[in-house]
C-alpha atoms as a PDB file:
ATOM      1  CA  MET A   1      75.891  80.379 142.237  1.00  0.00           C
ATOM      2  CA  LYS A   2      74.329  83.846 141.953  1.00  0.00           C
ATOM      3  CA  LYS A   3      77.566  85.440 143.180  1.00  0.00           C
ATOM      4  CA  ILE A   4      79.617  83.583 140.573  1.00  0.00           C
ATOM      5  CA  LEU A   5      77.284  84.622 137.725  1.00  0.00           C
ATOM      6  CA  LEU A   6      77.223  88.216 138.968  1.00  0.00           C
ATOM      7  CA  THR A   7      81.031  88.258 139.184  1.00  0.00           C
ATOM      8  CA  LEU A   8      81.400  86.792 135.681  1.00  0.00           C
ATOM      9  CA  GLY A   9      78.903  89.343 134.332  1.00  0.00           C
ATOM     10  CA  LEU A  10      80.822  92.254 135.887  1.00  0.00           C
ATOM     11  CA  VAL A  11      84.154  90.974 134.558  1.00  0.00           C
ATOM     12  CA  ALA A  12      82.664  90.619 131.068  1.00  0.00           C
ATOM     13  CA  SER A  13      81.188  94.145 131.240  1.00  0.00           C
ATOM     14  CA  PHE A  14      84.503  95.702 132.300  1.00  0.00           C
ATOM     15  CA  SER A  15      86.333  93.795 129.564  1.00  0.00           C
ATOM     16  CA  LEU A  16      83.957  95.048 126.903  1.00  0.00           C
ATOM     17  CA  ALA A  17      84.176  98.630 128.184  1.00  0.00           C
ATOM     18  CA  ALA A  18      87.985  98.538 128.149  1.00  0.00           C
ATOM     19  CA  THR A  19      88.025  97.123 124.615  1.00  0.00           C
ATOM     20  CA  ALA A  20      85.622  99.817 123.417  1.00  0.00           C
ATOM     21  CA  GLN A  21      87.890 102.565 124.793  1.00  0.00           C
ATOM     22  CA  VAL A  22      90.928 101.115 123.019  1.00  0.00           C
ATOM     23  CA  ASP A  23      88.946 100.940 119.752  1.00  0.00           C
ATOM     24  CA  ALA A  24      87.802 104.558 120.168  1.00  0.00           C
ATOM     25  CA  LYS A  25      91.409 105.713 120.669  1.00  0.00           C
ATOM     26  CA  ALA A  26      92.501 103.816 117.560  1.00  0.00           C
ATOM     27  CA  THR A  27      89.651 105.365 115.561  1.00  0.00           C
ATOM     28  CA  ASN A  28      90.674 108.881 116.744  1.00  0.00           C
ATOM     29  CA  LYS A  29      94.290 108.229 115.681  1.00  0.00           C
ATOM     30  CA  GLU A  30      93.128 107.017 112.265  1.00  0.00           C
ATOM     31  CA  ALA A  31      90.914 110.095 111.837  1.00  0.00           C
ATOM     32  CA  LYS A  32      93.785 112.443 112.741  1.00  0.00           C
ATOM     33  CA  SER A  33      96.082 110.616 110.334  1.00  0.00           C
ATOM     34  CA  THR A  34      93.502 111.011 107.555  1.00  0.00           C
ATOM     35  CA  GLU A  35      93.178 114.756 108.286  1.00  0.00           C
ATOM     36  CA  VAL A  36      96.952 115.219 108.083  1.00  0.00           C
ATOM     37  CA  LYS A  37      97.041 113.352 104.762  1.00  0.00           C
ATOM     38  CA  LYS A  38      94.207 115.531 103.386  1.00  0.00           C
ATOM     39  CA  GLU A  39      96.033 118.726 104.419  1.00  0.00           C
ATOM     40  CA  ALA A  40      99.249 117.497 102.825  1.00  0.00           C
ATOM     41  CA  SER A  41      97.477 116.624  99.575  1.00  0.00           C
ATOM     42  CA  ALA A  42      95.694 120.003  99.578  1.00  0.00           C
ATOM     43  CA  ALA A  43      99.061 121.754  99.793  1.00  0.00           C
ATOM     44  CA  ALA A  44     100.355 119.729  96.824  1.00  0.00           C
ATOM     45  CA  GLY A  45      99.463 121.471  93.586  1.00  0.00           C
ATOM     46  CA  PRO A  46      98.276 125.055  93.129  1.00  0.00           C
ATOM     47  CA  ALA A  47      96.431 126.761  96.000  1.00  0.00           C
ATOM     48  CA  ILE A  48      94.729 130.172  95.993  1.00  0.00           C
ATOM     49  CA  SER A  49      94.668 132.733  98.774  1.00  0.00           C
ATOM     50  CA  THR A  50      93.515 136.382  98.767  1.00  0.00           C
ATOM     51  CA  ASP A  51      94.596 139.246 101.003  1.00  0.00           C
ATOM     52  CA  LYS A  52      90.946 139.951 101.918  1.00  0.00           C
ATOM     53  CA  GLU A  53      87.543 138.404 101.399  1.00  0.00           C
ATOM     54  CA  THR A  54      85.700 141.748 101.094  1.00  0.00           C
ATOM     55  CA  HIS A  55      86.738 145.223  99.962  1.00  0.00           C
ATOM     56  CA  ASN A  56      84.633 147.899 101.664  1.00  0.00           C
ATOM     57  CA  TYR A  57      84.513 151.223  99.814  1.00  0.00           C
ATOM     58  CA  GLY A  58      82.721 152.838 102.726  1.00  0.00           C
ATOM     59  CA  LYS A  59      80.637 155.826 101.610  1.00  0.00           C
ATOM     60  CA  ILE A  60      81.729 157.282  98.272  1.00  0.00           C
ATOM     61  CA  GLN A  61      80.252 159.949  96.021  1.00  0.00           C
ATOM     62  CA  LYS A  62      78.467 159.193  92.783  1.00  0.00           C
ATOM     63  CA  GLY A  63      80.992 159.190  89.933  1.00  0.00           C
ATOM     64  CA  ALA A  64      83.973 158.544  92.256  1.00  0.00           C
ATOM     65  CA  ASN A  65      86.743 156.113  91.342  1.00  0.00           C
ATOM     66  CA  GLY A  66      85.313 152.614  91.787  1.00  0.00           C
ATOM     67  CA  ASP A  67      88.588 150.700  91.457  1.00  0.00           C
ATOM     68  CA  CYS A  68      89.840 148.331  94.141  1.00  0.00           C
ATOM     69  CA  PHE A  69      92.469 145.601  94.186  1.00  0.00           C
ATOM     70  CA  PHE A  70      92.715 142.077  95.574  1.00  0.00           C
ATOM     71  CA  THR A  71      96.110 140.415  95.988  1.00  0.00           C
ATOM     72  CA  ILE A  72      95.995 136.782  94.893  1.00  0.00           C
ATOM     73  CA  THR A  73      98.752 134.516  96.253  1.00  0.00           C
ATOM     74  CA  ASN A  74      99.638 130.986  95.165  1.00  0.00           C
ATOM     75  CA  THR A  75     100.245 129.131  98.442  1.00  0.00           C
ATOM     76  CA  GLY A  76     100.631 125.793  96.652  1.00  0.00           C
ATOM     77  CA  THR A  77     103.491 123.908  95.023  1.00  0.00           C
ATOM     78  CA  GLU A  78     102.547 124.253  91.339  1.00  0.00           C
ATOM     79  CA  PRO A  79     101.634 127.248  89.116  1.00  0.00           C
ATOM     80  CA  LEU A  80      98.183 128.759  89.720  1.00  0.00           C
ATOM     81  CA  VAL A  81      96.186 129.612  86.587  1.00  0.00           C
ATOM     82  CA  ILE A  82      93.091 131.800  86.847  1.00  0.00           C
ATOM     83  CA  THR A  83      90.833 130.825  83.973  1.00  0.00           C
ATOM     84  CA  ASN A  84      88.027 133.307  84.637  1.00  0.00           C
ATOM     85  CA  ALA A  85      86.804 136.032  86.975  1.00  0.00           C
ATOM     86  CA  LYS A  86      83.208 137.203  86.678  1.00  0.00           C
ATOM     87  CA  GLY A  87      81.324 139.977  88.437  1.00  0.00           C
ATOM     88  CA  SER A  88      77.844 139.330  89.812  1.00  0.00           C
ATOM     89  CA  CYS A  89      76.458 141.985  87.448  1.00  0.00           C
ATOM     90  CA  GLY A  90      77.570 144.249  84.618  1.00  0.00           C
ATOM     91  CA  CYS A  91      78.442 147.059  87.051  1.00  0.00           C
ATOM     92  CA  THR A  92      81.272 144.979  88.586  1.00  0.00           C
ATOM     93  CA  VAL A  93      84.137 144.273  86.177  1.00  0.00           C
ATOM     94  CA  PRO A  94      87.232 142.292  87.249  1.00  0.00           C
ATOM     95  CA  THR A  95      90.577 142.338  85.442  1.00  0.00           C
ATOM     96  CA  TRP A  96      92.608 139.294  86.479  1.00  0.00           C
ATOM     97  CA  PRO A  97      96.188 138.173  85.780  1.00  0.00           C
ATOM     98  CA  ARG A  98      96.280 136.084  82.575  1.00  0.00           C
ATOM     99  CA  GLU A  99      99.705 134.536  83.216  1.00  0.00           C
ATOM    100  CA  ALA A 100     100.285 131.700  85.691  1.00  0.00           C
ATOM    101  CA  ILE A 101     101.204 132.675  89.248  1.00  0.00           C
ATOM    102  CA  ALA A 102     104.276 130.760  90.441  1.00  0.00           C
ATOM    103  CA  PRO A 103     104.264 129.006  93.843  1.00  0.00           C
ATOM    104  CA  GLY A 104     104.820 131.533  96.633  1.00  0.00           C
ATOM    105  CA  LYS A 105     104.232 134.499  94.297  1.00  0.00           C
ATOM    106  CA  SER A 106     101.370 137.010  94.165  1.00  0.00           C
ATOM    107  CA  ALA A 107      99.495 138.961  91.507  1.00  0.00           C
ATOM    108  CA  SER A 108      96.895 141.723  91.612  1.00  0.00           C
ATOM    109  CA  MET A 109      93.297 141.562  90.419  1.00  0.00           C
ATOM    110  CA  LYS A 110      91.575 144.885  89.742  1.00  0.00           C
ATOM    111  CA  VAL A 111      87.812 145.182  90.275  1.00  0.00           C
ATOM    112  CA  THR A 112      86.006 148.233  88.916  1.00  0.00           C
ATOM    113  CA  TYR A 113      82.558 149.143  90.218  1.00  0.00           C
ATOM    114  CA  ALA A 114      80.429 151.585  88.194  1.00  0.00           C
ATOM    115  CA  THR A 115      79.748 154.334  90.736  1.00  0.00           C
ATOM    116  CA  ASN A 116      77.081 156.000  88.598  1.00  0.00           C
ATOM    117  CA  ARG A 117      74.473 154.027  90.558  1.00  0.00           C
ATOM    118  CA  VAL A 118      73.384 155.525  93.879  1.00  0.00           C
ATOM    119  CA  GLY A 119      72.748 153.141  96.772  1.00  0.00           C
ATOM    120  CA  LYS A 120      74.233 150.229  98.685  1.00  0.00           C
ATOM    121  CA  ILE A 121      76.998 148.130  97.099  1.00  0.00           C
ATOM    122  CA  ASN A 122      76.900 144.406  97.758  1.00  0.00           C
ATOM    123  CA  LYS A 123      78.467 142.588  94.804  1.00  0.00           C
ATOM    124  CA  SER A 124      80.706 139.581  94.307  1.00  0.00           C
ATOM    125  CA  VAL A 125      83.411 138.370  91.956  1.00  0.00           C
ATOM    126  CA  THR A 126      83.725 134.649  91.273  1.00  0.00           C
ATOM    127  CA  ILE A 127      87.285 133.521  90.530  1.00  0.00           C
ATOM    128  CA  THR A 128      87.720 130.211  88.687  1.00  0.00           C
ATOM    129  CA  SER A 129      91.169 128.583  88.757  1.00  0.00           C
ATOM    130  CA  ASN A 130      93.065 125.304  88.882  1.00  0.00           C
ATOM    131  CA  ALA A 131      93.553 125.632  92.662  1.00  0.00           C
ATOM    132  CA  LYS A 132      93.199 122.387  94.603  1.00  0.00           C
ATOM    133  CA  ASN A 133      91.920 124.119  97.762  1.00  0.00           C
ATOM    134  CA  ALA A 134      89.276 126.329  96.098  1.00  0.00           C
ATOM    135  CA  PRO A 135      88.764 125.931  92.339  1.00  0.00           C
ATOM    136  CA  VAL A 136      85.945 128.478  92.659  1.00  0.00           C
ATOM    137  CA  LYS A 137      86.622 131.343  95.070  1.00  0.00           C
ATOM    138  CA  VAL A 138      84.301 134.291  95.723  1.00  0.00           C
ATOM    139  CA  VAL A 139      85.438 137.738  96.885  1.00  0.00           C
ATOM    140  CA  LYS A 140      83.064 140.618  97.585  1.00  0.00           C
ATOM    141  CA  ILE A 141      82.816 144.385  97.391  1.00  0.00           C
ATOM    142  CA  ALA A 142      80.607 146.475  99.655  1.00  0.00           C
ATOM    143  CA  GLY A 143      79.865 150.081 100.491  1.00  0.00           C
ATOM    144  CA  GLU A 144      77.464 152.827  99.544  1.00  0.00           C
ATOM    145  CA  VAL A 145      77.371 155.326  96.677  1.00  0.00           C
ATOM    146  CA  LEU A 146      75.958 158.681  97.789  1.00  0.00           C
ATOM    147  CA  LYS A 147      74.285 161.304  95.623  1.00  0.00           C
ATOM    148  CA  ALA A 148      76.786 163.734  94.203  1.00  0.00           C
ATOM    149  CA  ALA A 149      76.980 166.969  96.197  1.00  0.00           C
ATOM    150  CA  PRO A 150      76.158 170.140  94.236  1.00  0.00           C
ATOM    151  CA  GLU A 151      79.177 172.108  93.094  1.00  0.00           C
ATOM    152  CA  ASP A 152      80.104 175.123  95.221  1.00  0.00           C
ATOM    153  CA  GLY A 153      78.088 178.146  94.240  1.00  0.00           C
ATOM    154  CA  ALA A 154      75.598 176.177  92.194  1.00  0.00           C
ATOM    155  CA  PRO A 155      72.026 176.911  93.112  1.00  0.00           C
ATOM    156  CA  VAL A 156      70.145 174.034  94.663  1.00  0.00           C
ATOM    157  CA  LYS A 157      66.918 173.366  92.835  1.00  0.00           C
ATOM    158  CA  LYS A 158      64.042 172.944  95.236  1.00  0.00           C
ATOM    159  CA  GLU A 159      60.982 171.071  94.230  1.00  0.00           C
ATOM    160  CA  THR A 160      57.899 173.212  94.533  1.00  0.00           C
ATOM    161  CA  THR A 161      54.300 172.450  94.004  1.00  0.00           C
ATOM    162  CA  ALA A 162      51.991 174.830  92.230  1.00  0.00           C
ATOM    163  CA  PRO A 163      49.203 176.213  94.382  1.00  0.00           C
ATOM    164  CA  LEU A 164      45.798 174.779  93.666  1.00  0.00           C
ATOM    165  CA  MET A 165      43.488 177.213  91.916  1.00  0.00           C
ATOM    166  CA  LYS A 166      39.910 177.518  92.991  1.00  0.00           C
ATOM    167  CA  ASN A 167      37.210 178.078  90.413  1.00  0.00           C
END
């Protein structure tokens, strides 16, 4: 009797394990199907893509040209409209394309950084559009503005301290 119960228990356990594996495979297929549908729906409509996520100026002199450009491409199936582009502070000013970007086409966005400020650059520009994949996209600028070098032949002013006078 014990052998029969043990045998029935093992058969039931193997049956349940086999059924669970089939269910797991079906669940994986359903998940993959859902991912494919999401990707297909993301491609339908406008989609935004940029040529780079960050523009690095490197080290530039104070007062140097602070212009850089980002290429914005519509990788979707409908026109892409950029409704706004805003710098993270007043020293970072974007100029974005006002007309719609057709599917498969690109346009340029100019970002001007005010290089009259010495120090590290770590700013961002937030692009707002009708893109299905990223209605709000952030690109960045980085680098460092160095003090302007003195002109050739110009005397370099050294800071001096006056000697202390004893009474």
